[in-house]
Amino acid sequence: MAGSQPPAAKTPSAKTLSIEDTFREHGLFRREIEVAALLVQEGLTAGEIGDRLFISERTVNDHIASIYRKFAVRKRGEFMAMFVGK
């Protein structure tokens, strides 16, 4: 069609970033990303995450503590609320 503009290139916005991108932006390490994804996407407990990733529940809890620090939250509910609707 004459005079029409080509569609604008899409640039990532906060709404189009994946959950993993959000985790990376907050400085999470690879294993922390795996743990955070299981928390958010599947709602698993620390014990269930440990079983899934073949690590101890204590190690999972250490990762969760680090994740919460990086997101400046204190509780699971605060962390989970950041991802409602994503």
Protein backbone atom coordinates (compact mmCIF):
# COMPACT_ATOMS: atom_id res chain seq x y z
CA MET A 1 0.00 0.00 0.00
CA ALA A 2 1.43 3.37 -1.04
CA GLY A 3 2.50 5.74 1.72
CA SER A 4 2.30 3.17 4.46
CA GLN A 5 5.12 2.88 6.94
CA PRO A 6 6.87 -0.44 7.62
CA PRO A 7 6.06 -1.84 11.03
CA ALA A 8 8.29 -0.50 13.76
CA ALA A 9 10.89 -2.89 15.05
CA LYS A 10 9.86 -4.33 18.36
CA THR A 11 12.20 -3.66 21.23
CA PRO A 12 11.97 -5.61 24.45
CA SER A 13 10.00 -3.87 27.14
CA ALA A 14 9.52 -4.82 30.76
CA LYS A 15 6.35 -6.63 29.74
CA THR A 16 7.98 -8.74 27.03
CA LEU A 17 11.00 -9.87 28.99
CA SER A 18 10.94 -13.50 30.01
CA ILE A 19 11.04 -14.50 33.63
CA GLU A 20 14.58 -15.81 33.09
CA ASP A 21 15.60 -12.41 31.67
CA THR A 22 14.25 -10.78 34.82
CA PHE A 23 16.26 -13.23 36.92
CA ARG A 24 19.42 -12.41 34.93
CA GLU A 25 18.82 -8.67 35.30
CA HIS A 26 18.84 -9.14 39.06
CA GLY A 27 22.21 -10.90 38.91
CA LEU A 28 21.08 -14.47 39.59
CA PHE A 29 23.55 -17.22 38.82
CA ARG A 30 22.59 -20.21 36.65
CA ARG A 31 21.62 -22.46 39.57
CA GLU A 32 19.71 -19.64 41.26
CA ILE A 33 17.77 -19.15 38.02
CA GLU A 34 16.86 -22.85 38.02
CA VAL A 35 15.71 -22.65 41.64
CA ALA A 36 13.78 -19.40 41.10
CA ALA A 37 12.06 -20.81 38.01
CA LEU A 38 10.87 -23.86 39.94
CA LEU A 39 9.60 -21.60 42.72
CA VAL A 40 7.71 -19.28 40.38
CA GLN A 41 6.60 -21.55 37.56
CA GLU A 42 5.81 -24.71 39.52
CA GLY A 43 5.43 -23.52 43.11
CA LEU A 44 7.66 -26.30 44.44
CA THR A 45 8.90 -26.48 48.02
CA ALA A 46 12.60 -26.40 48.86
CA GLY A 47 12.56 -30.18 49.36
CA GLU A 48 10.87 -30.76 46.01
CA ILE A 49 13.32 -28.43 44.25
CA GLY A 50 16.22 -30.29 45.87
CA ASP A 51 14.85 -33.61 44.64
CA ARG A 52 14.37 -32.23 41.15
CA LEU A 53 17.87 -30.69 40.94
CA PHE A 54 19.67 -33.43 42.91
CA ILE A 55 20.85 -31.03 45.61
CA SER A 56 20.11 -30.89 49.34
CA GLU A 57 17.21 -28.93 50.78
CA ARG A 58 19.78 -26.87 52.73
CA THR A 59 21.50 -25.89 49.46
CA VAL A 60 18.13 -24.94 47.97
CA ASN A 61 17.39 -22.77 51.00
CA ASP A 62 20.80 -21.09 50.61
CA HIS A 63 19.96 -20.34 46.95
CA ILE A 64 16.53 -19.01 47.94
CA ALA A 65 18.09 -16.70 50.56
CA SER A 66 20.47 -15.35 47.91
CA ILE A 67 17.61 -14.88 45.42
CA TYR A 68 15.55 -12.97 47.99
CA ARG A 69 18.52 -10.69 48.78
CA LYS A 70 19.02 -9.91 45.09
CA PHE A 71 15.32 -9.08 44.69
CA ALA A 72 15.23 -7.18 48.03
CA VAL A 73 12.38 -9.27 49.43
CA ARG A 74 12.10 -11.19 52.69
CA LYS A 75 9.32 -13.69 52.07
CA ARG A 76 8.21 -16.13 49.42
CA GLY A 77 4.90 -14.30 48.99
CA GLU A 78 6.70 -11.03 48.20
CA PHE A 79 8.89 -12.81 45.66
CA MET A 80 5.98 -14.65 44.03
CA ALA A 81 3.88 -11.47 43.83
CA MET A 82 6.49 -9.95 41.52
CA PHE A 83 5.60 -12.53 38.88
CA VAL A 84 1.81 -12.61 39.06
CA GLY A 85 0.48 -12.29 35.53
CA LYS A 86 3.84 -12.82 33.80
